N, C-alpha and C. Protein backbone atom coordinates (compact mmCIF):
# COMPACT_ATOMS: atom_id res chain seq x y z
N PRO A 1 123.21 158.75 117.10
CA PRO A 1 123.46 157.81 116.16
C PRO A 1 123.36 156.11 116.69
N GLU A 2 123.56 155.98 118.03
CA GLU A 2 123.41 154.98 118.59
C GLU A 2 122.06 154.33 118.93
N ALA A 3 121.03 155.48 118.98
CA ALA A 3 119.58 155.12 119.03
C ALA A 3 119.25 154.81 117.71
N VAL A 4 119.58 155.32 116.70
CA VAL A 4 119.41 154.92 115.10
C VAL A 4 119.79 153.51 115.07
N GLN A 5 120.93 153.02 115.52
CA GLN A 5 121.40 151.51 115.21
C GLN A 5 120.82 150.73 116.05
N THR A 6 120.26 151.08 117.26
CA THR A 6 119.50 150.22 118.19
C THR A 6 118.05 150.00 117.25
N PHE A 7 117.56 151.06 116.89
CA PHE A 7 116.40 151.12 116.01
C PHE A 7 116.42 150.16 115.00
N TYR A 8 117.50 150.29 114.30
CA TYR A 8 117.59 149.59 112.88
C TYR A 8 117.87 148.01 113.51
N GLY A 9 118.45 147.69 114.39
CA GLY A 9 118.82 146.44 114.90
C GLY A 9 117.27 145.78 115.42
N ILE A 10 116.49 146.73 116.15
CA ILE A 10 115.37 146.11 116.24
C ILE A 10 114.29 145.64 115.22
N CYS A 11 114.34 146.68 114.14
CA CYS A 11 113.55 146.39 112.89
C CYS A 11 114.01 145.16 112.31
N MET A 12 115.21 144.90 112.29
CA MET A 12 115.65 143.79 111.63
C MET A 12 115.34 142.61 112.36
N ALA A 13 115.50 142.60 113.71
CA ALA A 13 115.27 141.53 114.61
C ALA A 13 113.73 141.21 114.72
N THR A 14 112.84 142.09 114.33
CA THR A 14 111.40 141.77 114.73
C THR A 14 110.96 141.08 113.31
N PHE A 15 111.47 141.22 112.23
CA PHE A 15 110.98 140.48 110.98
C PHE A 15 111.66 139.01 111.33
N ALA A 16 113.01 138.93 111.54
CA ALA A 16 113.34 137.67 111.52
C ALA A 16 112.75 136.75 112.80
N VAL A 17 112.50 137.36 114.06
CA VAL A 17 111.92 136.68 115.17
C VAL A 17 110.62 136.43 114.90
N ALA A 18 109.61 137.37 114.16
CA ALA A 18 108.19 136.86 113.66
C ALA A 18 108.34 135.62 112.87
N GLY A 19 109.25 135.84 111.90
CA GLY A 19 109.13 134.75 110.91
C GLY A 19 109.49 133.30 111.66
N MET A 20 110.37 133.53 112.38
CA MET A 20 111.06 132.22 113.18
C MET A 20 109.91 131.71 113.91
N LEU A 21 109.40 132.39 114.84
CA LEU A 21 108.07 131.75 115.78
C LEU A 21 106.91 131.39 115.21
N LEU A 22 106.82 132.02 113.81
CA LEU A 22 105.50 131.49 113.24
C LEU A 22 105.60 130.65 112.15
N LYS A 23 106.78 130.19 111.67
CA LYS A 23 106.92 129.04 110.96
C LYS A 23 106.31 127.68 111.51
N PRO A 24 106.57 127.34 112.50
CA PRO A 24 105.47 126.09 113.01
C PRO A 24 104.21 126.08 113.11
N LEU A 25 103.90 127.41 113.24
CA LEU A 25 102.21 127.64 113.19
C LEU A 25 101.86 127.68 111.64
N VAL A 26 102.68 128.28 111.00
CA VAL A 26 102.36 128.36 109.34
C VAL A 26 102.27 126.94 109.19
N GLY A 27 103.12 125.96 109.39
CA GLY A 27 103.04 124.48 108.88
C GLY A 27 102.21 123.80 109.23
N PHE A 28 101.58 124.01 110.68
CA PHE A 28 100.53 123.24 111.46
C PHE A 28 98.98 123.85 110.48
N ALA A 29 99.03 125.15 110.35
CA ALA A 29 97.89 125.84 109.64
C ALA A 29 97.60 125.17 108.34
N ALA A 30 98.57 125.14 107.54
CA ALA A 30 98.84 124.38 106.27
C ALA A 30 98.40 123.06 106.15
N ASP A 31 98.69 122.29 107.13
CA ASP A 31 97.93 120.99 107.43
C ASP A 31 96.77 120.79 107.69
N ARG A 32 96.09 121.75 108.38
CA ARG A 32 94.86 121.89 108.71
C ARG A 32 93.98 122.45 107.75
N LEU A 33 94.34 123.68 107.30
CA LEU A 33 93.46 124.45 106.52
C LEU A 33 93.78 124.27 104.83
N GLY A 34 94.93 123.93 104.56
CA GLY A 34 95.44 123.80 103.27
C GLY A 34 96.82 124.45 102.79
N PHE A 35 97.53 124.28 101.90
CA PHE A 35 98.58 124.90 101.58
C PHE A 35 98.25 126.10 100.85
N ARG A 36 97.11 126.06 99.79
CA ARG A 36 96.96 127.15 98.97
C ARG A 36 96.49 128.38 99.92
N THR A 37 95.73 128.02 100.90
CA THR A 37 94.86 129.02 101.56
C THR A 37 95.96 129.63 102.55
N ILE A 38 96.86 129.00 103.05
CA ILE A 38 98.09 129.77 104.07
C ILE A 38 99.06 130.48 103.06
N ILE A 39 99.41 129.92 102.16
CA ILE A 39 100.19 130.42 101.27
C ILE A 39 99.85 131.94 100.51
N ILE A 40 98.68 131.84 100.10
CA ILE A 40 97.93 133.28 99.60
C ILE A 40 97.80 134.10 100.90
N THR A 41 97.04 133.59 102.07
CA THR A 41 97.11 134.54 103.02
C THR A 41 98.25 135.20 103.68
N THR A 42 99.41 134.34 103.92
CA THR A 42 100.47 134.85 104.42
C THR A 42 101.22 135.76 103.52
N THR A 43 101.07 135.38 101.94
CA THR A 43 101.61 136.49 101.11
C THR A 43 101.10 137.92 101.11
N PHE A 44 99.58 137.83 101.42
CA PHE A 44 98.77 139.17 101.34
C PHE A 44 99.16 139.82 102.97
N VAL A 45 99.48 139.32 103.83
CA VAL A 45 100.02 139.50 105.14
C VAL A 45 101.21 140.39 104.99
N ALA A 46 102.31 139.76 104.26
CA ALA A 46 103.49 140.40 103.96
C ALA A 46 103.35 141.59 103.13
N ALA A 47 102.48 141.55 102.20
CA ALA A 47 102.07 142.67 101.42
C ALA A 47 101.79 143.75 102.26
N VAL A 48 100.81 143.57 103.25
CA VAL A 48 100.16 144.57 104.26
C VAL A 48 101.28 145.02 105.12
N GLY A 49 102.17 144.31 105.50
CA GLY A 49 103.40 144.48 106.26
C GLY A 49 104.39 145.55 105.67
N ASN A 50 104.62 145.27 104.22
CA ASN A 50 105.40 146.28 103.54
C ASN A 50 104.76 147.64 103.26
N VAL A 51 103.21 147.42 103.14
CA VAL A 51 102.69 148.72 102.90
C VAL A 51 102.73 149.55 104.05
N LEU A 52 102.68 149.05 105.22
CA LEU A 52 102.73 149.75 106.38
C LEU A 52 104.16 150.30 106.69
N TYR A 53 105.12 149.64 106.36
CA TYR A 53 106.83 149.84 106.44
C TYR A 53 106.74 150.79 105.62
N ALA A 54 106.24 150.91 104.39
CA ALA A 54 106.49 152.12 103.39
C ALA A 54 105.71 153.54 103.85
N LEU A 55 104.63 153.31 104.27
CA LEU A 55 103.84 154.26 104.96
C LEU A 55 104.54 154.96 106.46
N ALA A 56 105.29 154.34 107.01
CA ALA A 56 105.73 154.79 108.23
C ALA A 56 106.61 156.22 107.99
N CYS A 57 107.30 156.26 106.96
CA CYS A 57 108.27 157.26 106.77
C CYS A 57 107.53 158.61 106.56
N PRO A 58 106.43 158.54 105.42
CA PRO A 58 105.63 159.89 105.33
C PRO A 58 104.69 160.17 106.66
N LEU A 59 104.28 159.28 107.06
CA LEU A 59 103.32 159.33 108.25
C LEU A 59 104.42 159.45 109.93
N VAL A 60 105.49 159.42 109.60
CA VAL A 60 106.64 159.73 110.62
C VAL A 60 106.07 158.70 111.88
N SER A 61 106.18 157.61 111.83
CA SER A 61 105.67 156.59 112.64
C SER A 61 106.71 155.44 112.86
N LEU A 62 107.36 155.42 114.01
CA LEU A 62 108.42 154.54 114.47
C LEU A 62 107.53 153.41 114.66
N SER A 63 106.57 153.46 115.36
CA SER A 63 105.76 152.09 115.67
C SER A 63 105.08 151.40 114.41
N LEU A 64 104.97 152.09 113.38
CA LEU A 64 104.44 151.63 112.31
C LEU A 64 105.41 150.83 111.58
N VAL A 65 106.72 151.39 111.54
CA VAL A 65 107.84 150.69 110.99
C VAL A 65 107.93 149.16 111.63
N ILE A 66 108.02 149.24 113.00
CA ILE A 66 108.12 147.98 113.70
C ILE A 66 106.82 147.00 113.30
N PHE A 67 105.41 147.50 113.43
CA PHE A 67 104.52 146.69 112.98
C PHE A 67 104.42 146.11 111.72
N GLY A 68 104.82 146.81 110.76
CA GLY A 68 105.11 146.64 109.36
C GLY A 68 106.16 145.43 109.32
N ARG A 69 107.12 145.44 110.03
CA ARG A 69 108.22 144.62 109.95
C ARG A 69 107.92 143.30 110.58
N VAL A 70 107.03 143.15 111.44
CA VAL A 70 106.47 142.15 112.34
C VAL A 70 105.48 141.24 111.21
N LEU A 71 104.80 142.00 110.65
CA LEU A 71 103.78 141.62 109.79
C LEU A 71 104.49 141.04 108.46
N SER A 72 105.48 141.62 108.00
CA SER A 72 106.34 141.18 107.04
C SER A 72 106.85 139.78 107.24
N GLY A 73 107.46 139.63 108.51
CA GLY A 73 108.00 138.56 109.03
C GLY A 73 106.98 137.39 109.22
N VAL A 74 105.72 137.58 109.70
CA VAL A 74 104.75 136.66 109.72
C VAL A 74 104.42 136.14 108.35
N GLY A 75 104.30 137.03 107.28
CA GLY A 75 104.11 136.42 105.89
C GLY A 75 105.24 135.92 105.47
N ALA A 76 106.59 136.17 105.77
CA ALA A 76 107.64 135.50 105.21
C ALA A 76 107.89 134.11 105.83
N ALA A 77 106.98 133.89 106.80
CA ALA A 77 107.05 132.25 107.78
C ALA A 77 106.52 131.28 106.67
N ASN A 78 105.76 131.82 105.58
CA ASN A 78 105.43 130.69 104.70
C ASN A 78 106.59 129.99 103.87
N SER A 79 107.54 130.56 103.88
CA SER A 79 108.74 130.07 103.31
C SER A 79 108.97 128.76 103.75
N THR A 80 108.69 128.18 104.82
CA THR A 80 108.71 126.89 105.31
C THR A 80 107.85 125.80 104.56
N LEU A 81 106.67 126.55 103.93
CA LEU A 81 105.89 125.41 103.05
C LEU A 81 106.67 125.20 101.70
N SER A 82 107.41 125.95 101.08
CA SER A 82 108.08 125.64 99.70
C SER A 82 108.41 124.27 99.55
N PHE A 83 109.32 123.63 100.49
CA PHE A 83 109.73 122.24 100.09
C PHE A 83 108.84 121.33 100.43
N SER A 84 107.90 121.62 101.40
CA SER A 84 106.83 120.55 101.46
C SER A 84 105.91 120.41 100.21
N TYR A 85 105.58 121.80 99.57
CA TYR A 85 104.64 121.80 98.54
C TYR A 85 105.42 121.03 97.29
N ILE A 86 106.76 121.34 97.19
CA ILE A 86 107.38 120.62 96.22
C ILE A 86 107.18 119.31 96.35
N ALA A 87 107.55 118.72 97.36
CA ALA A 87 107.47 117.12 97.81
C ALA A 87 106.14 116.62 97.49
N LEU A 88 105.27 117.66 97.53
CA LEU A 88 103.83 116.93 97.51
C LEU A 88 103.37 116.92 96.13
N THR A 89 103.83 118.03 95.21
CA THR A 89 103.43 118.09 94.04
C THR A 89 104.16 117.71 92.66
N VAL A 90 105.55 117.44 93.16
CA VAL A 90 106.25 117.33 91.81
C VAL A 90 106.75 115.84 91.75
N PRO A 91 106.75 115.47 90.69
CA PRO A 91 107.07 113.78 90.61
C PRO A 91 108.35 113.63 90.99
N ASP A 92 108.51 112.39 91.44
CA ASP A 92 110.02 111.88 92.22
C ASP A 92 111.09 112.04 91.04
N SER A 93 111.15 111.81 89.69
CA SER A 93 112.06 112.06 89.10
C SER A 93 112.63 113.81 88.53
N GLU A 94 111.75 114.30 88.86
CA GLU A 94 111.85 116.05 88.82
C GLU A 94 112.16 116.74 90.10
N ARG A 95 111.80 116.10 91.26
CA ARG A 95 112.08 116.51 92.54
C ARG A 95 113.44 117.24 93.11
N THR A 96 114.36 116.53 92.70
CA THR A 96 115.77 116.92 93.11
C THR A 96 116.03 118.19 92.41
N ALA A 97 115.60 118.36 91.05
CA ALA A 97 115.88 119.57 90.46
C ALA A 97 115.17 120.62 90.71
N TRP A 98 114.08 120.48 91.24
CA TRP A 98 113.25 121.55 91.73
C TRP A 98 113.57 121.94 93.28
N MET A 99 113.98 120.98 93.97
CA MET A 99 114.33 121.30 95.28
C MET A 99 115.81 121.97 95.40
N SER A 100 116.83 121.75 94.46
CA SER A 100 118.10 122.35 94.28
C SER A 100 117.71 123.91 93.76
N THR A 101 116.65 124.38 92.72
CA THR A 101 116.48 125.38 92.26
C THR A 101 115.88 126.31 93.48
N LEU A 102 114.95 125.72 94.17
CA LEU A 102 114.22 126.32 95.41
C LEU A 102 115.50 126.56 96.60
N GLY A 103 116.33 125.75 96.72
CA GLY A 103 117.51 125.76 97.60
C GLY A 103 118.37 127.06 97.31
N ILE A 104 118.63 127.29 95.98
CA ILE A 104 119.61 128.42 95.64
C ILE A 104 118.83 129.49 95.54
N ALA A 105 117.48 129.73 95.44
CA ALA A 105 116.48 130.73 95.52
C ALA A 105 116.46 131.67 96.67
N PHE A 106 116.59 131.12 97.93
CA PHE A 106 116.52 131.87 99.16
C PHE A 106 117.78 132.72 99.25
N PRO A 107 119.01 131.99 99.25
CA PRO A 107 120.40 132.66 99.41
C PRO A 107 120.19 133.81 98.28
N LEU A 108 119.96 133.54 97.01
CA LEU A 108 120.11 134.34 95.87
C LEU A 108 119.37 135.82 96.10
N GLY A 109 117.85 135.48 96.77
CA GLY A 109 117.26 136.63 97.08
C GLY A 109 117.66 137.34 98.36
N LEU A 110 118.52 136.68 99.22
CA LEU A 110 118.97 137.45 100.13
C LEU A 110 120.20 138.44 99.81
N ALA A 111 120.74 137.95 98.84
CA ALA A 111 121.92 138.68 97.97
C ALA A 111 121.61 139.80 97.24
N LEU A 112 120.30 139.44 96.29
CA LEU A 112 119.83 140.60 95.26
C LEU A 112 119.06 141.58 95.93
N GLY A 113 118.63 141.25 97.24
CA GLY A 113 117.59 142.05 97.75
C GLY A 113 118.08 143.75 97.96
N PRO A 114 119.27 143.69 98.53
CA PRO A 114 119.87 144.90 98.75
C PRO A 114 120.32 145.65 97.40
N VAL A 115 120.52 145.01 96.38
CA VAL A 115 120.66 145.59 95.25
C VAL A 115 119.58 146.22 94.35
N PHE A 116 118.41 145.32 94.66
CA PHE A 116 117.14 145.65 94.25
C PHE A 116 116.75 147.15 95.11
N ASN A 117 117.02 147.12 96.41
CA ASN A 117 116.65 148.29 96.99
C ASN A 117 117.43 149.46 96.64
N LEU A 118 118.72 149.36 96.06
CA LEU A 118 119.33 150.39 95.61
C LEU A 118 118.62 151.06 94.45
N PHE A 119 118.14 150.45 93.42
CA PHE A 119 117.30 150.99 92.29
C PHE A 119 116.15 151.40 92.88
N THR A 120 115.37 151.19 93.75
CA THR A 120 114.17 151.62 94.39
C THR A 120 114.19 152.78 94.87
N THR A 121 115.42 153.35 95.47
CA THR A 121 115.74 154.56 95.94
C THR A 121 115.56 156.00 95.28
N SER A 122 115.44 155.62 93.77
CA SER A 122 115.30 156.86 93.09
C SER A 122 114.03 157.20 92.71
N VAL A 123 112.85 156.21 93.33
CA VAL A 123 111.37 156.36 93.11
C VAL A 123 110.98 157.52 94.02
N HIS A 124 110.17 158.51 93.61
CA HIS A 124 109.81 159.55 94.51
C HIS A 124 108.27 159.90 93.88
N MET A 125 107.33 159.98 94.70
CA MET A 125 105.88 160.27 94.49
C MET A 125 105.41 160.99 95.57
N THR A 126 104.69 162.05 95.23
CA THR A 126 103.67 162.99 95.98
C THR A 126 102.55 162.99 95.79
N SER A 127 101.61 163.24 96.68
CA SER A 127 100.27 163.53 96.41
C SER A 127 99.58 164.84 97.48
N GLY A 128 99.67 165.77 96.48
CA GLY A 128 99.38 167.35 96.98
C GLY A 128 100.85 167.62 97.75
N ASP A 129 100.49 167.90 99.01
CA ASP A 129 101.76 168.31 99.71
C ASP A 129 102.54 167.11 100.40
N MET A 130 102.02 165.91 100.50
CA MET A 130 102.61 164.73 101.13
C MET A 130 103.39 163.92 100.10
N GLU A 131 104.50 163.70 100.67
CA GLU A 131 105.20 162.53 100.12
C GLU A 131 104.89 161.38 100.50
N VAL A 132 104.52 160.61 99.21
CA VAL A 132 103.79 159.31 99.52
C VAL A 132 104.88 158.33 99.37
N ILE A 133 105.83 158.32 98.54
CA ILE A 133 106.96 157.35 98.14
C ILE A 133 107.94 158.10 98.22
N THR A 134 109.00 157.95 99.30
CA THR A 134 110.18 158.77 99.18
C THR A 134 111.38 157.63 99.06
N PRO A 135 112.55 157.86 98.78
CA PRO A 135 113.59 157.07 98.78
C PRO A 135 113.70 156.05 99.96
N GLU A 136 113.22 156.41 101.25
CA GLU A 136 113.24 155.60 102.22
C GLU A 136 112.08 154.57 102.31
N SER A 137 111.08 155.08 101.77
CA SER A 137 109.97 154.12 101.82
C SER A 137 109.57 153.13 100.42
N ALA A 138 110.58 153.72 99.44
CA ALA A 138 110.41 152.95 98.06
C ALA A 138 110.65 151.64 98.12
N PRO A 139 111.54 150.95 99.04
CA PRO A 139 111.82 149.66 99.17
C PRO A 139 110.67 148.83 99.68
N GLY A 140 110.16 149.37 100.69
CA GLY A 140 108.89 148.75 101.16
C GLY A 140 107.65 148.67 100.38
N ALA A 141 107.51 149.87 99.64
CA ALA A 141 106.35 149.92 98.56
C ALA A 141 106.68 149.13 97.35
N SER A 142 107.76 148.87 96.90
CA SER A 142 108.24 147.90 95.86
C SER A 142 107.80 146.55 96.24
N VAL A 143 108.32 146.21 97.27
CA VAL A 143 108.03 144.68 97.73
C VAL A 143 106.98 144.39 97.88
N ALA A 144 105.99 145.49 98.58
CA ALA A 144 104.48 145.34 98.62
C ALA A 144 103.81 145.06 97.08
N VAL A 145 104.22 146.00 96.28
CA VAL A 145 103.61 145.72 94.96
C VAL A 145 104.04 143.92 94.29
N LEU A 146 105.13 143.70 94.39
CA LEU A 146 105.67 142.42 93.95
C LEU A 146 105.02 141.27 94.81
N LEU A 147 104.82 141.58 96.21
CA LEU A 147 103.86 140.59 96.99
C LEU A 147 102.43 140.37 96.61
N ILE A 148 101.93 141.75 96.15
CA ILE A 148 100.60 141.49 95.67
C ILE A 148 100.50 140.66 94.65
N ALA A 149 101.26 141.20 93.50
CA ALA A 149 101.49 140.41 92.20
C ALA A 149 101.66 138.67 92.54
N LEU A 150 102.60 138.54 93.43
CA LEU A 150 102.78 137.08 93.72
C LEU A 150 101.43 136.43 94.30
N GLY A 151 100.87 137.28 95.45
CA GLY A 151 99.54 136.80 95.82
C GLY A 151 98.56 136.50 94.74
N VAL A 152 98.38 137.40 93.91
CA VAL A 152 97.38 137.16 92.81
C VAL A 152 97.74 135.90 92.07
N ALA A 153 99.09 135.96 91.58
CA ALA A 153 99.49 134.51 90.83
C ALA A 153 99.46 133.29 91.62
N SER A 154 99.59 133.36 92.97
CA SER A 154 99.30 132.22 93.80
C SER A 154 97.93 131.91 93.82
N PHE A 155 97.00 132.75 93.91
CA PHE A 155 95.59 132.44 93.85
C PHE A 155 95.22 131.81 92.45
N VAL A 156 95.84 132.26 91.31
CA VAL A 156 95.34 131.98 89.87
C VAL A 156 96.14 130.40 89.69
N TYR A 157 97.41 130.29 90.17
CA TYR A 157 97.91 128.97 89.71
C TYR A 157 98.29 127.89 90.51
N VAL A 158 98.36 128.23 92.00
CA VAL A 158 98.81 127.36 93.17
C VAL A 158 97.32 126.74 93.48
N ARG A 159 97.53 125.11 93.13
CA ARG A 159 96.56 124.24 93.32
C ARG A 159 96.93 123.43 94.75
N GLU A 160 96.00 122.98 95.54
CA GLU A 160 96.29 122.29 96.75
C GLU A 160 96.69 120.98 96.26
N PRO A 161 97.85 120.49 97.02
CA PRO A 161 98.37 119.33 96.85
C PRO A 161 97.19 118.15 97.16
N GLU A 162 97.38 117.04 96.60
CA GLU A 162 96.33 115.98 97.02
C GLU A 162 96.40 115.47 98.15
N HIS A 163 97.80 115.42 98.69
CA HIS A 163 98.08 114.56 100.01
C HIS A 163 97.81 115.57 101.06
N SER A 164 97.61 116.85 101.03
CA SER A 164 97.31 117.81 102.17
C SER A 164 95.90 117.59 102.41
N VAL A 165 95.81 118.56 103.61
CA VAL A 165 94.53 118.36 104.33
C VAL A 165 93.45 117.17 104.67
């Protein structure tokens, strides 16, 4: 049990550390390459990370769990762009409301994430003899689907702010 607890702690830490270390680089890249490019790219990086995380269970690969969590953390580093994007694109008269909404969205996501995972644990899918999605891998697979949808929506709707690049 102690090894399991240690591994779980490592999984949690890799996501957080990757996100923390990459936030400054993501901000720098957005200034150089544009918000839209970085938002879309990092969203798909996070999706790939969650796909790897979901595949780790059926493939029985602990290293795939860690690598998936690192990529997910790298992708999550784009959260640093949210407030900047609002500051650059929303009129002054509406900015406070948008900033407040975004400010509550992050802790709300942290609170509702575990509840979402409880619902995904009933998902089970097999392909031949291989279990593709199990209760253990369903949260990663579900988040990957949501991130792919977010990436596509970002590609369609997110426009580059006039003041960036």
